[in-house]
Amino acid sequence: MSKTLAQAMGEFEPGLPLAVAYSGGADSTALLLACAEKWPGQVCAFHVHHGLQAAADTFEQHGREFCARLGVPLRVSRVDARHAPGESPEAAARHARYEAFRVLAQEDIAPGAIKNIAVAQQADDQVETLLLALSRGAGLPGLSAMPAEWVRDGLHYFRPLLDVPGAELRHWLRERGVAWVEDPTNVDEKFTRNRIRARLLPALADTFPQFRDTLARSAAHAAEAQRLLNEVALDDLTHTGLPPQIARLQALSRARQANVLRHWLRSAHGTVPSAAQLQELLDQVAACTTRGHRIRLKVGAGFVERQGAVLTWYNP
């Protein structure tokens, strides 16, 4: 159910001190201000300068001025977020951002070590993420959309605003006379996410006024189902072994083979097979009935190979 900012912040109880990922936009401005007011002296701001657009310097300067008025320590990381050939720009920027947060968290910017970071994705971002996943034919991990909290590189991340509509955050800021910066790329409709925001969300609001709540509920159901599949995969891995033994994989149903192989590749090697790669791997496992049968299949950035009785993955 959609919440106000006050309701969301009332329920948000992270460990302190807390860092807020602050871009200068409306969402992160509202989150930083709300956190600084709730925990004075216990909040700092992390700003990542991606260097991808001319306005980036303006974002940084605005952030410095705003944090100075708040009395909130600000740390800025300048990164090279350009994407490599074959890598999506979004993935490159996301990787650079997380690496910047990891480094910033180690710096002495607040009393005690930073272990908790809040990021400002809100209810509209959650809907956009789910719609993008649907458009790509995603499985349960994609349909689960964005989690409210997770751990990465030893840092605990939170998204306390996932139930708060963006319009609520902007209204809250306007009532307080607080300015923010607008990223010019947010209105560029060559990006699918921006087309969803500009065209689909208004249409959904006209047709299904409660769409944020209902889509969030569907994402929560998908996340719950994925957690159950993860539990099944862990149980199956205790049977197949690590790395998985081919003969023991073959004793499972094809669906459970797919589940355990996907989990193994993601958890042990940080790679996710495409649907086509996974189906081909399952076919190869089924056909592996002789000692001489070879398996070598491109999966993610590396290869799954047969080594004796087991499957292995390596990145050349």
Protein backbone atom coordinates (compact mmCIF):
# COMPACT_ATOMS: atom_id res chain seq x y z
CA MET A 1 0.00 0.00 0.00
CA SER A 2 1.30 3.46 -0.91
CA LYS A 3 2.73 5.42 2.00
CA THR A 4 3.64 8.98 2.82
CA LEU A 5 7.25 9.90 3.40
CA ALA A 6 6.53 10.28 7.11
CA GLN A 7 5.08 6.77 7.29
CA ALA A 8 8.02 5.25 5.42
CA MET A 9 10.56 7.03 7.61
CA GLY A 10 8.69 6.00 10.74
CA GLU A 11 9.25 2.36 9.78
CA PHE A 12 12.87 2.81 8.67
CA GLU A 13 15.30 1.76 11.40
CA PRO A 14 18.75 1.07 9.92
CA GLY A 15 21.98 0.73 11.81
CA LEU A 16 23.80 3.99 12.45
CA PRO A 17 25.80 5.84 11.25
CA LEU A 18 23.99 5.90 7.91
CA ALA A 19 25.11 7.01 4.46
CA VAL A 20 22.55 8.24 1.92
CA ALA A 21 23.25 7.85 -1.79
CA TYR A 22 22.62 11.43 -2.91
CA SER A 23 22.43 12.49 -6.56
CA GLY A 24 20.82 15.90 -6.05
CA GLY A 25 17.52 14.79 -7.62
CA ALA A 26 14.19 15.07 -5.86
CA ASP A 27 14.04 11.52 -4.50
CA SER A 28 17.50 11.45 -2.95
CA THR A 29 17.09 15.03 -1.70
CA ALA A 30 13.92 14.05 0.18
CA LEU A 31 15.57 10.93 1.59
CA LEU A 32 18.70 12.76 2.72
CA LEU A 33 16.74 15.57 4.36
CA ALA A 34 14.36 13.16 6.12
CA CYS A 35 17.24 11.02 7.39
CA ALA A 36 19.28 14.03 8.55
CA GLU A 37 16.29 15.30 10.52
CA LYS A 38 15.56 11.91 12.09
CA TRP A 39 19.18 11.14 13.01
CA PRO A 40 21.07 14.46 13.35
CA GLY A 41 24.81 13.99 13.39
CA GLN A 42 24.54 10.35 12.33
CA VAL A 43 24.02 10.80 8.57
CA CYS A 44 26.43 11.49 5.72
CA ALA A 45 25.93 11.74 1.96
CA PHE A 46 27.65 9.80 -0.84
CA HIS A 47 27.63 11.48 -4.25
CA VAL A 48 28.93 9.69 -7.36
CA HIS A 49 30.09 11.91 -10.24
CA HIS A 50 29.70 9.60 -13.25
CA GLY A 51 31.31 11.98 -15.73
CA LEU A 52 28.81 11.00 -18.42
CA GLN A 53 27.14 14.35 -19.04
CA ALA A 54 27.98 18.05 -18.92
CA ALA A 55 25.49 18.65 -16.10
CA ALA A 56 27.42 16.36 -13.72
CA ASP A 57 29.52 19.24 -12.38
CA THR A 58 26.32 21.20 -11.67
CA PHE A 59 24.89 18.23 -9.75
CA GLU A 60 28.03 18.05 -7.61
CA GLN A 61 28.08 21.78 -6.85
CA HIS A 62 24.39 21.77 -5.93
CA GLY A 63 25.03 18.79 -3.65
CA ARG A 64 27.91 20.52 -1.89
CA GLU A 65 25.82 23.62 -1.23
CA PHE A 66 22.79 21.65 -0.02
CA CYS A 67 24.82 19.41 2.32
CA ALA A 68 26.64 22.44 3.71
CA ARG A 69 23.29 24.03 4.60
CA LEU A 70 22.16 20.78 6.21
CA GLY A 71 25.40 20.34 8.09
CA VAL A 72 25.74 16.85 6.59
CA PRO A 73 29.19 15.56 5.61
CA LEU A 74 29.45 14.90 1.87
CA ARG A 75 31.87 12.58 0.12
CA VAL A 76 32.19 12.71 -3.66
CA SER A 77 33.59 9.95 -5.84
CA ARG A 78 34.49 10.64 -9.46
CA VAL A 79 34.25 7.49 -11.56
CA ASP A 80 34.63 6.44 -15.17
CA ALA A 81 31.22 4.92 -15.90
CA ARG A 82 31.69 4.45 -19.64
CA HIS A 83 30.55 1.03 -20.76
CA ALA A 84 32.72 -1.55 -22.45
CA PRO A 85 31.76 -3.07 -25.82
CA GLY A 86 28.86 -5.45 -25.28
CA GLU A 87 28.06 -4.01 -21.84
CA SER A 88 24.90 -2.01 -21.24
CA PRO A 89 25.40 1.63 -20.14
CA GLU A 90 23.07 1.02 -17.18
CA ALA A 91 25.09 -1.98 -15.99
CA ALA A 92 28.38 -0.09 -16.31
CA ALA A 93 27.05 2.88 -14.34
CA ARG A 94 25.58 0.59 -11.67
CA HIS A 95 28.86 -1.31 -11.26
CA ALA A 96 30.84 1.95 -11.01
CA ARG A 97 28.38 3.32 -8.46
CA TYR A 98 28.57 0.29 -6.17
CA GLU A 99 32.35 0.27 -6.36
CA ALA A 100 32.36 3.96 -5.44
CA PHE A 101 30.10 3.29 -2.45
CA ARG A 102 32.40 0.48 -1.30
CA VAL A 103 35.42 2.79 -1.37
CA LEU A 104 33.61 5.74 0.21
CA ALA A 105 32.33 3.57 3.05
CA GLN A 106 35.92 2.87 4.05
CA GLU A 107 36.79 6.55 4.39
CA ASP A 108 36.61 8.40 7.70
CA ILE A 109 33.58 10.58 7.03
CA ALA A 110 31.46 9.88 10.12
CA PRO A 111 31.88 8.48 13.62
CA GLY A 112 32.32 4.75 13.25
CA ALA A 113 32.53 2.69 10.09
CA ILE A 114 29.77 3.07 7.54
CA LYS A 115 28.01 -0.27 7.14
CA ASN A 116 24.54 0.97 6.12
CA ILE A 117 23.57 2.88 2.97
CA ALA A 118 20.11 4.14 2.01
CA VAL A 119 19.19 4.64 -1.64
CA ALA A 120 16.17 6.57 -2.86
CA GLN A 121 14.32 4.44 -5.41
CA GLN A 122 10.59 4.99 -4.88
CA ALA A 123 7.26 3.44 -5.88
CA ASP A 124 7.32 4.68 -9.48
CA ASP A 125 10.84 3.31 -9.95
CA GLN A 126 9.60 -0.06 -8.67
CA VAL A 127 6.73 -0.10 -11.18
CA GLU A 128 9.08 0.88 -14.02
CA THR A 129 11.47 -1.91 -13.04
CA LEU A 130 8.68 -4.49 -13.04
CA LEU A 131 7.33 -3.32 -16.41
CA LEU A 132 10.83 -3.46 -17.92
CA ALA A 133 11.21 -7.01 -16.60
CA LEU A 134 7.88 -8.01 -18.12
CA SER A 135 8.85 -6.49 -21.47
CA ARG A 136 12.03 -8.59 -21.49
CA GLY A 137 10.32 -11.86 -20.60
CA ALA A 138 12.12 -12.02 -17.26
CA GLY A 139 11.79 -14.88 -14.81
CA LEU A 140 11.03 -14.62 -11.12
CA PRO A 141 14.23 -12.74 -10.17
CA GLY A 142 13.32 -9.95 -12.61
CA LEU A 143 9.63 -9.97 -11.72
CA SER A 144 10.58 -9.59 -8.04
CA ALA A 145 11.71 -6.06 -9.02
CA MET A 146 13.88 -4.27 -6.45
CA PRO A 147 14.35 -5.63 -2.92
CA ALA A 148 13.81 -3.34 0.05
CA GLU A 149 17.19 -4.34 1.47
CA TRP A 150 20.20 -6.43 0.53
CA VAL A 151 23.90 -6.92 1.29
CA ARG A 152 26.73 -6.28 -1.14
CA ASP A 153 30.48 -6.05 -0.46
CA GLY A 154 29.78 -6.27 3.25
CA LEU A 155 27.49 -3.22 3.16
CA HIS A 156 23.80 -3.30 4.10
CA TYR A 157 21.70 -1.39 1.56
CA PHE A 158 18.15 -0.13 2.14
CA ARG A 159 15.38 1.25 -0.09
CA PRO A 160 13.00 2.81 2.46
CA LEU A 161 10.94 4.71 -0.13
CA LEU A 162 9.73 1.81 -2.30
CA ASP A 163 6.12 2.38 -1.19
CA VAL A 164 6.22 6.17 -1.58
CA PRO A 165 5.11 7.67 -4.95
CA GLY A 166 7.47 10.17 -6.55
CA ALA A 167 4.76 12.85 -6.56
CA GLU A 168 4.52 12.58 -2.76
CA LEU A 169 8.24 13.24 -2.41
CA ARG A 170 8.15 16.28 -4.69
CA HIS A 171 5.11 17.66 -2.88
CA TRP A 172 6.91 17.26 0.45
CA LEU A 173 9.95 19.13 -0.85
CA ARG A 174 7.89 21.96 -2.37
CA GLU A 175 6.03 22.46 0.90
CA ARG A 176 9.38 22.96 2.60
CA GLY A 177 10.78 25.18 -0.12
CA VAL A 178 13.60 22.75 -0.91
CA ALA A 179 15.08 22.78 -4.41
CA TRP A 180 16.55 19.86 -6.30
CA VAL A 181 18.21 19.33 -9.67
CA GLU A 182 16.59 17.62 -12.64
CA ASP A 183 18.69 15.19 -14.64
CA PRO A 184 18.10 16.15 -18.29
CA THR A 185 18.40 12.51 -19.36
CA ASN A 186 15.26 11.69 -17.34
CA VAL A 187 13.07 13.21 -20.07
CA ASP A 188 14.94 11.69 -23.01
CA GLU A 189 12.48 9.16 -24.42
CA LYS A 190 15.11 7.24 -26.32
CA PHE A 191 15.48 5.40 -23.00
CA THR A 192 12.78 2.79 -22.44
CA ARG A 193 12.43 3.60 -18.75
CA ASN A 194 11.69 7.23 -19.60
CA ARG A 195 9.03 6.23 -22.13
CA ILE A 196 7.40 4.08 -19.46
CA ARG A 197 7.44 7.03 -17.04
CA ALA A 198 6.11 9.54 -19.57
CA ARG A 199 3.52 7.40 -21.38
CA LEU A 200 2.61 4.23 -19.51
CA LEU A 201 2.40 5.42 -15.92
CA PRO A 202 -0.17 8.16 -16.69
CA ALA A 203 -2.23 5.63 -18.68
CA LEU A 204 -2.05 3.12 -15.83
CA ALA A 205 -3.10 5.79 -13.36
CA ASP A 206 -6.17 6.58 -15.51
CA THR A 207 -7.13 2.92 -15.95
CA PHE A 208 -5.99 1.35 -12.67
CA PRO A 209 -5.66 4.08 -10.00
CA GLN A 210 -4.17 1.60 -7.50
CA PHE A 211 -1.60 0.21 -9.94
CA ARG A 212 1.38 0.97 -7.71
CA ASP A 213 -0.05 -1.12 -4.88
CA THR A 214 -1.22 -4.02 -7.06
CA LEU A 215 2.01 -4.28 -9.07
CA ALA A 216 4.06 -4.07 -5.88
CA ARG A 217 1.98 -6.95 -4.50
CA SER A 218 2.69 -9.02 -7.61
CA ALA A 219 6.42 -8.29 -7.27
CA ALA A 220 6.26 -9.38 -3.62
CA HIS A 221 4.58 -12.66 -4.64
CA ALA A 222 7.33 -13.26 -7.22
CA ALA A 223 10.01 -12.53 -4.63
CA GLU A 224 8.43 -14.99 -2.20
CA ALA A 225 8.32 -17.68 -4.89
CA GLN A 226 11.96 -17.01 -5.75
CA ARG A 227 12.97 -17.39 -2.11
CA LEU A 228 11.28 -20.79 -2.08
CA LEU A 229 13.13 -21.81 -5.26
CA ASN A 230 16.40 -20.71 -3.65
CA GLU A 231 15.68 -22.98 -0.70
CA VAL A 232 14.97 -25.90 -3.04
CA ALA A 233 18.20 -25.15 -4.93
CA LEU A 234 20.25 -25.17 -1.73
CA ASP A 235 18.75 -28.52 -0.77
CA ASP A 236 19.46 -29.93 -4.23
CA LEU A 237 23.05 -28.66 -4.14
CA THR A 238 23.68 -30.68 -1.00
CA HIS A 239 22.70 -33.72 -3.09
CA THR A 240 24.51 -32.85 -6.34
CA GLY A 241 27.60 -31.44 -4.63
CA LEU A 242 29.73 -28.41 -5.46
CA PRO A 243 30.62 -28.37 -8.25
CA PRO A 244 27.54 -30.33 -9.38
CA GLN A 245 28.00 -33.99 -10.25
CA ILE A 246 26.43 -34.74 -13.61
CA ALA A 247 24.93 -38.12 -12.66
CA ARG A 248 23.25 -36.61 -9.61
CA LEU A 249 21.91 -33.71 -11.68
CA GLN A 250 20.38 -36.21 -14.09
CA ALA A 251 18.43 -37.78 -11.21
CA LEU A 252 16.51 -34.50 -10.79
CA SER A 253 13.61 -33.32 -12.93
CA ARG A 254 14.52 -30.92 -15.71
CA ALA A 255 12.88 -28.04 -13.84
CA ARG A 256 14.93 -28.73 -10.71
CA GLN A 257 18.07 -29.12 -12.79
CA ALA A 258 17.43 -25.67 -14.28
CA ASN A 259 16.81 -24.21 -10.83
CA VAL A 260 19.92 -25.67 -9.24
CA LEU A 261 22.20 -24.84 -12.18
CA ARG A 262 20.94 -21.25 -12.28
CA HIS A 263 21.49 -20.92 -8.54
CA TRP A 264 24.97 -22.50 -8.71
CA LEU A 265 26.13 -20.21 -11.50
CA ARG A 266 24.75 -17.09 -9.82
CA SER A 267 25.88 -17.80 -6.26
CA ALA A 268 29.24 -19.46 -6.94
CA HIS A 269 30.34 -17.57 -10.05
CA GLY A 270 28.28 -14.38 -10.22
CA THR A 271 26.94 -15.16 -13.69
CA VAL A 272 23.40 -15.64 -14.96
CA PRO A 273 22.71 -17.79 -18.03
CA SER A 274 20.30 -16.62 -20.68
CA ALA A 275 17.19 -18.74 -21.25
CA ALA A 276 18.72 -20.16 -24.43
CA GLN A 277 22.04 -20.95 -22.73
CA LEU A 278 20.31 -22.71 -19.86
CA GLN A 279 18.15 -24.82 -22.15
CA GLU A 280 21.20 -25.87 -24.17
CA LEU A 281 23.07 -26.74 -20.97
CA LEU A 282 20.16 -28.91 -19.82
CA ASP A 283 20.16 -30.68 -23.20
CA GLN A 284 23.91 -31.31 -22.87
CA VAL A 285 23.51 -32.68 -19.35
CA ALA A 286 20.75 -35.03 -20.54
CA ALA A 287 22.93 -36.26 -23.43
CA CYS A 288 25.96 -36.86 -21.20
CA THR A 289 25.69 -40.65 -20.88
CA THR A 290 29.23 -41.74 -21.82
CA ARG A 291 32.68 -40.98 -20.42
CA GLY A 292 33.78 -39.38 -23.64
CA HIS A 293 30.91 -36.94 -23.92
CA ARG A 294 32.25 -33.39 -23.83
CA ILE A 295 30.44 -30.33 -22.53
CA ARG A 296 31.74 -26.86 -23.27
CA LEU A 297 29.10 -24.18 -23.44
CA LYS A 298 29.26 -20.38 -23.33
CA VAL A 299 27.37 -19.16 -20.27
CA GLY A 300 27.52 -15.54 -19.20
CA ALA A 301 31.05 -14.23 -19.56
CA GLY A 302 32.65 -17.68 -19.33
CA PHE A 303 32.14 -21.35 -20.10
CA VAL A 304 30.57 -24.37 -18.43
CA GLU A 305 32.71 -27.46 -19.02
CA ARG A 306 32.65 -31.09 -18.05
CA GLN A 307 35.62 -32.16 -15.99
CA GLY A 308 35.35 -35.83 -15.25
CA ALA A 309 32.13 -36.45 -13.34
CA VAL A 310 31.35 -32.78 -12.58
CA LEU A 311 30.45 -29.50 -14.22
CA THR A 312 32.77 -26.50 -13.79
CA TRP A 313 32.59 -22.86 -14.89
CA TYR A 314 35.55 -20.70 -15.74
CA ASN A 315 36.18 -17.27 -17.20
CA PRO A 316 39.10 -17.42 -19.64
